[in-house]
Amino acid sequence: MPRLRRGERPQLAVLPPLRQEAGVGESRCPYFIAGGKSGGRSSLRGADFAKGESMIQMELSDQKAELLREVLVSSLSSLRVEIAYSQRKEFRDFLKKRGDELEDLLQHLEKRLAQSGRSPVSIDRLRKVDVLQGLTDWELKIIAQFFREESVAGGILLFEQGQKADRLFILEEGEISVQIPSGESYQIRSPGKIVGWSFLIPPNRYTASGSTLVPSRLLVIESPDFYYLIYKEPRMGVKVMANLAQIVAGRLTQWAGQG
């Protein structure tokens, strides 16, 4: 088996499966990670590696592939910060090259995840979300991996007043009724509006109840994912919380006028 010379690093690419076997409690493994010597070709097909190049193969379940995607996105985010603040051109060039390699691997991985029906929410959909206004495309790409889409029938209770607020909902299609403690109800119909903002505010208990009035499509993010994201990306968190303050103030003013 060929070996890497000292100082050489394997380049990675996402390959189609060599076999389809599932471990206990895991879905089938549709990807392999493989790499050739530094300076060699990286491809989706193992046969494309030049003769004599070494390869590293690692079988990934869907769950582990998503974890790898999260690690790659986080690494790319850190690289971008280092590039922005580095004063040395040689070091910036090195980081840019490393970033290009990570971006290439991330794109291949996302293609494989998409083929398994586990592609992240597109940033185009998130651009319409009121609480995410002002985020850069890269920040939207980071947060997109934590959202999941849910289709909910009409008449379903999403959250109840006093319940622990562990999920934030974003309406894409349909209609949601929000009932406040006074007994009054208000309807949310516009795509991109958030529902369940108590998720973001201590003591993180829902102060109202929300339910779907018609079949609806929602984007949902859970609190552990959100707070992990804000911890890792504090500048993004400042933008989100500033947006939230405006949304809450505007919505309370609107509802007071309707009362």
Protein backbone atom coordinates (compact mmCIF):
# COMPACT_ATOMS: atom_id res chain seq x y z
CA MET A 1 0.00 0.00 0.00
CA PRO A 2 1.48 3.40 -0.94
CA ARG A 3 2.40 5.64 1.96
CA LEU A 4 2.49 9.39 2.35
CA ARG A 5 5.90 10.98 2.42
CA ARG A 6 6.82 13.15 5.38
CA GLY A 7 5.05 16.49 5.22
CA GLU A 8 2.34 15.31 2.80
CA ARG A 9 -1.32 15.56 3.78
CA PRO A 10 -4.13 13.46 2.34
CA GLN A 11 -6.72 15.36 0.32
CA LEU A 12 -10.28 14.33 0.95
CA ALA A 13 -13.25 13.73 -1.30
CA VAL A 14 -16.67 12.17 -0.83
CA LEU A 15 -17.07 8.86 -2.63
CA PRO A 16 -20.12 6.72 -3.39
CA PRO A 17 -20.57 3.68 -1.16
CA LEU A 18 -18.52 0.54 -1.47
CA ARG A 19 -21.29 -1.34 0.31
CA GLN A 20 -24.60 -0.61 1.99
CA GLU A 21 -24.52 -1.85 5.57
CA ALA A 22 -26.17 -0.24 8.55
CA GLY A 23 -24.96 -0.37 12.12
CA VAL A 24 -27.29 -0.87 15.07
CA GLY A 25 -29.52 2.17 15.48
CA GLU A 26 -28.07 3.94 12.42
CA SER A 27 -29.36 4.52 8.91
CA ARG A 28 -27.57 3.07 5.92
CA CYS A 29 -24.19 4.58 5.08
CA PRO A 30 -24.32 6.36 1.71
CA TYR A 31 -20.89 8.01 1.76
CA PHE A 32 -17.23 7.31 2.15
CA ILE A 33 -14.54 9.87 2.76
CA ALA A 34 -11.41 9.22 0.76
CA GLY A 35 -8.28 11.15 -0.02
CA GLY A 36 -5.15 11.08 -2.12
CA LYS A 37 -1.73 12.59 -1.55
CA SER A 38 -1.32 16.34 -1.34
CA GLY A 39 -1.04 17.65 -4.87
CA GLY A 40 -3.03 14.75 -6.31
CA ARG A 41 -6.57 14.82 -7.65
CA SER A 42 -9.66 14.67 -5.46
CA SER A 43 -12.79 13.24 -7.02
CA LEU A 44 -16.12 11.63 -6.37
CA ARG A 45 -14.78 8.44 -7.92
CA GLY A 46 -12.00 6.46 -6.38
CA ALA A 47 -10.86 5.37 -9.85
CA ASP A 48 -9.95 8.98 -10.62
CA PHE A 49 -7.04 9.00 -8.19
CA ALA A 50 -3.69 8.79 -9.91
CA LYS A 51 -1.84 5.50 -9.71
CA GLY A 52 0.32 5.25 -6.62
CA GLU A 53 -1.70 7.71 -4.57
CA SER A 54 -2.75 6.59 -1.13
CA MET A 55 -6.35 6.76 0.04
CA ILE A 56 -8.12 7.02 3.35
CA GLN A 57 -11.60 5.51 3.55
CA MET A 58 -14.09 6.09 6.31
CA GLU A 59 -17.68 4.88 6.31
CA LEU A 60 -20.22 7.44 7.51
CA SER A 61 -23.84 7.11 8.55
CA ASP A 62 -26.23 9.93 7.68
CA GLN A 63 -26.02 11.19 11.26
CA LYS A 64 -22.23 11.23 11.26
CA ALA A 65 -22.16 12.87 7.83
CA GLU A 66 -24.32 15.69 9.21
CA LEU A 67 -21.94 16.03 12.17
CA LEU A 68 -19.01 16.23 9.75
CA ARG A 69 -20.85 18.94 7.82
CA GLU A 70 -21.29 20.90 11.05
CA VAL A 71 -17.56 20.58 11.83
CA LEU A 72 -16.61 21.73 8.30
CA VAL A 73 -18.90 24.76 8.46
CA SER A 74 -17.51 25.71 11.87
CA SER A 75 -13.92 25.31 10.64
CA LEU A 76 -14.62 27.45 7.58
CA SER A 77 -16.16 30.14 9.77
CA SER A 78 -13.04 30.23 11.97
CA LEU A 79 -10.81 30.39 8.89
CA ARG A 80 -12.71 33.38 7.54
CA VAL A 81 -12.15 35.26 10.80
CA GLU A 82 -8.43 34.43 10.76
CA ILE A 83 -8.12 35.57 7.14
CA ALA A 84 -9.89 38.85 7.91
CA TYR A 85 -7.60 39.71 10.83
CA SER A 86 -4.25 38.31 9.67
CA GLN A 87 -1.62 40.90 8.75
CA ARG A 88 0.65 38.46 6.91
CA LYS A 89 -0.12 37.93 3.22
CA GLU A 90 1.63 34.54 3.10
CA PHE A 91 -0.46 33.29 6.01
CA ARG A 92 -3.67 34.64 4.47
CA ASP A 93 -2.87 32.88 1.20
CA PHE A 94 -2.25 29.63 3.09
CA LEU A 95 -5.56 29.95 4.94
CA LYS A 96 -7.43 30.75 1.73
CA LYS A 97 -6.04 27.61 0.10
CA ARG A 98 -7.03 25.55 3.13
CA GLY A 99 -10.47 27.15 3.06
CA ASP A 100 -10.91 26.26 -0.63
CA GLU A 101 -10.11 22.62 0.15
CA LEU A 102 -12.61 22.55 3.03
CA GLU A 103 -15.26 24.27 0.91
CA ASP A 104 -14.78 21.69 -1.86
CA LEU A 105 -15.19 18.82 0.60
CA LEU A 106 -18.25 20.49 2.13
CA GLN A 107 -19.90 20.86 -1.27
CA HIS A 108 -19.33 17.18 -2.10
CA LEU A 109 -20.68 16.16 1.30
CA GLU A 110 -23.79 18.29 0.90
CA LYS A 111 -24.47 16.73 -2.50
CA ARG A 112 -24.38 13.27 -0.93
CA LEU A 113 -26.63 14.39 1.92
CA ALA A 114 -29.07 15.88 -0.59
CA GLN A 115 -29.24 12.53 -2.41
CA SER A 116 -30.26 10.96 0.91
CA GLY A 117 -32.95 13.59 1.44
CA ARG A 118 -31.01 15.30 4.24
CA SER A 119 -29.97 18.52 2.53
CA PRO A 120 -29.93 21.66 4.72
CA VAL A 121 -32.51 24.40 4.35
CA SER A 122 -31.45 26.74 1.54
CA ILE A 123 -30.30 30.22 2.51
CA ASP A 124 -32.78 31.67 0.00
CA ARG A 125 -35.59 30.48 2.26
CA LEU A 126 -33.93 32.00 5.32
CA ARG A 127 -33.50 35.43 3.68
CA LYS A 128 -37.26 35.92 4.14
CA VAL A 129 -37.18 35.26 7.89
CA ASP A 130 -37.72 38.43 9.94
CA VAL A 131 -35.49 37.46 12.86
CA LEU A 132 -32.58 36.66 10.49
CA GLN A 133 -32.57 39.97 8.61
CA GLY A 134 -29.11 41.49 8.18
CA LEU A 135 -27.24 38.18 8.37
CA THR A 136 -24.64 37.58 5.68
CA ASP A 137 -24.96 34.64 3.28
CA TRP A 138 -22.24 32.84 5.22
CA GLU A 139 -24.05 33.38 8.53
CA LEU A 140 -27.26 32.08 6.95
CA LYS A 141 -25.35 29.03 5.72
CA ILE A 142 -24.13 28.36 9.26
CA ILE A 143 -27.58 28.61 10.84
CA ALA A 144 -29.32 26.74 7.99
CA GLN A 145 -27.84 23.40 9.07
CA PHE A 146 -29.75 23.59 12.38
CA PHE A 147 -33.21 24.12 10.87
CA ARG A 148 -35.52 21.35 9.79
CA GLU A 149 -38.75 21.51 7.83
CA GLU A 150 -42.02 20.22 9.29
CA SER A 151 -45.39 19.86 7.58
CA VAL A 152 -48.18 20.14 10.16
CA ALA A 153 -51.89 19.46 9.72
CA GLY A 154 -54.47 22.06 10.65
CA GLY A 155 -55.71 22.17 14.25
CA ILE A 156 -52.42 20.97 15.80
CA LEU A 157 -51.18 22.55 19.05
CA LEU A 158 -47.56 23.65 18.53
CA PHE A 159 -46.90 24.95 22.03
CA GLU A 160 -48.86 25.79 25.16
CA GLN A 161 -48.64 28.68 27.60
CA GLY A 162 -46.37 27.86 30.54
CA GLN A 163 -44.68 24.99 28.71
CA LYS A 164 -40.88 25.00 28.44
CA ALA A 165 -39.98 26.97 25.31
CA ASP A 166 -37.60 24.61 23.53
CA ARG A 167 -38.52 25.23 19.89
CA LEU A 168 -38.78 28.30 17.66
CA PHE A 169 -41.15 28.13 14.67
CA ILE A 170 -40.96 30.01 11.40
CA LEU A 171 -44.04 30.07 9.19
CA GLU A 172 -43.42 29.35 5.50
CA GLU A 173 -46.93 28.41 4.39
CA GLY A 174 -50.29 28.26 6.15
CA GLU A 175 -51.69 30.09 9.17
CA ILE A 176 -51.03 29.98 12.90
CA SER A 177 -53.26 31.25 15.71
CA VAL A 178 -51.57 32.66 18.82
CA GLN A 179 -53.71 32.87 21.95
CA ILE A 180 -52.47 35.21 24.69
CA PRO A 181 -53.38 34.93 28.43
CA SER A 182 -56.24 37.44 28.10
CA GLY A 183 -58.00 34.95 25.85
CA GLU A 184 -57.63 36.97 22.66
CA SER A 185 -56.27 35.25 19.54
CA TYR A 186 -54.16 36.68 16.74
CA GLN A 187 -53.35 35.14 13.40
CA ILE A 188 -49.92 34.83 11.78
CA ARG A 189 -50.20 34.45 8.01
CA SER A 190 -47.12 36.08 6.47
CA PRO A 191 -44.23 33.79 5.42
CA GLY A 192 -41.02 34.36 7.34
CA LYS A 193 -42.69 35.34 10.62
CA ILE A 194 -41.47 33.71 13.84
CA VAL A 195 -43.79 32.11 16.38
CA GLY A 196 -42.77 31.14 19.92
CA TRP A 197 -40.32 33.95 20.65
CA SER A 198 -40.23 32.99 24.37
CA PHE A 199 -37.71 30.44 23.12
CA LEU A 200 -35.19 33.32 23.04
CA ILE A 201 -36.06 35.10 26.29
CA PRO A 202 -35.49 33.91 29.90
CA PRO A 203 -37.09 32.14 31.73
CA ASN A 204 -37.81 30.41 28.39
CA ARG A 205 -41.44 29.55 29.04
CA TYR A 206 -44.06 30.11 26.38
CA THR A 207 -46.21 33.12 27.34
CA ALA A 208 -48.94 32.20 24.84
CA SER A 209 -50.30 29.14 23.05
CA GLY A 210 -49.96 28.52 19.32
CA SER A 211 -51.74 26.16 16.95
CA THR A 212 -52.11 25.72 13.20
CA LEU A 213 -55.41 26.81 11.67
CA VAL A 214 -54.77 25.15 8.30
CA PRO A 215 -52.16 22.68 7.00
CA SER A 216 -48.87 24.56 7.37
CA ARG A 217 -45.20 24.25 6.49
CA LEU A 218 -42.79 25.36 9.20
CA LEU A 219 -39.08 25.69 9.79
CA VAL A 220 -38.11 24.62 13.31
CA ILE A 221 -34.94 25.08 15.35
CA GLU A 222 -34.46 23.61 18.84
CA SER A 223 -32.99 25.50 21.79
CA PRO A 224 -29.79 23.43 22.32
CA ASP A 225 -28.81 23.98 18.68
CA PHE A 226 -29.64 27.68 18.82
CA TYR A 227 -27.72 28.43 21.99
CA TYR A 228 -24.73 26.42 20.79
CA LEU A 229 -24.79 28.50 17.62
CA ILE A 230 -25.00 31.82 19.48
CA TYR A 231 -22.10 30.76 21.71
CA LYS A 232 -19.97 29.90 18.68
CA GLU A 233 -21.05 32.92 16.59
CA PRO A 234 -21.67 35.82 19.03
CA ARG A 235 -21.80 38.49 16.30
CA MET A 236 -24.64 36.60 14.66
CA GLY A 237 -26.36 36.38 18.04
CA VAL A 238 -26.24 40.17 18.47
CA LYS A 239 -28.00 40.63 15.11
CA VAL A 240 -30.65 38.03 15.91
CA MET A 241 -31.46 39.49 19.33
CA ALA A 242 -31.63 43.04 17.90
CA ASN A 243 -34.10 41.80 15.28
CA LEU A 244 -36.09 40.01 17.98
CA ALA A 245 -36.46 43.20 20.05
CA GLN A 246 -37.93 45.01 17.04
CA ILE A 247 -40.25 42.10 16.18
CA VAL A 248 -41.63 41.78 19.72
CA ALA A 249 -42.14 45.54 20.08
CA GLY A 250 -43.85 45.79 16.70
CA ARG A 251 -46.09 42.80 17.26
CA LEU A 252 -47.18 43.91 20.73
CA THR A 253 -47.99 47.37 19.35
CA GLN A 254 -49.97 45.81 16.51
CA TRP A 255 -51.92 43.51 18.84
CA ALA A 256 -52.63 46.35 21.28
CA GLY A 257 -54.14 48.30 18.40
CA GLN A 258 -56.36 45.38 17.46
CA GLY A 259 -57.60 44.89 21.01
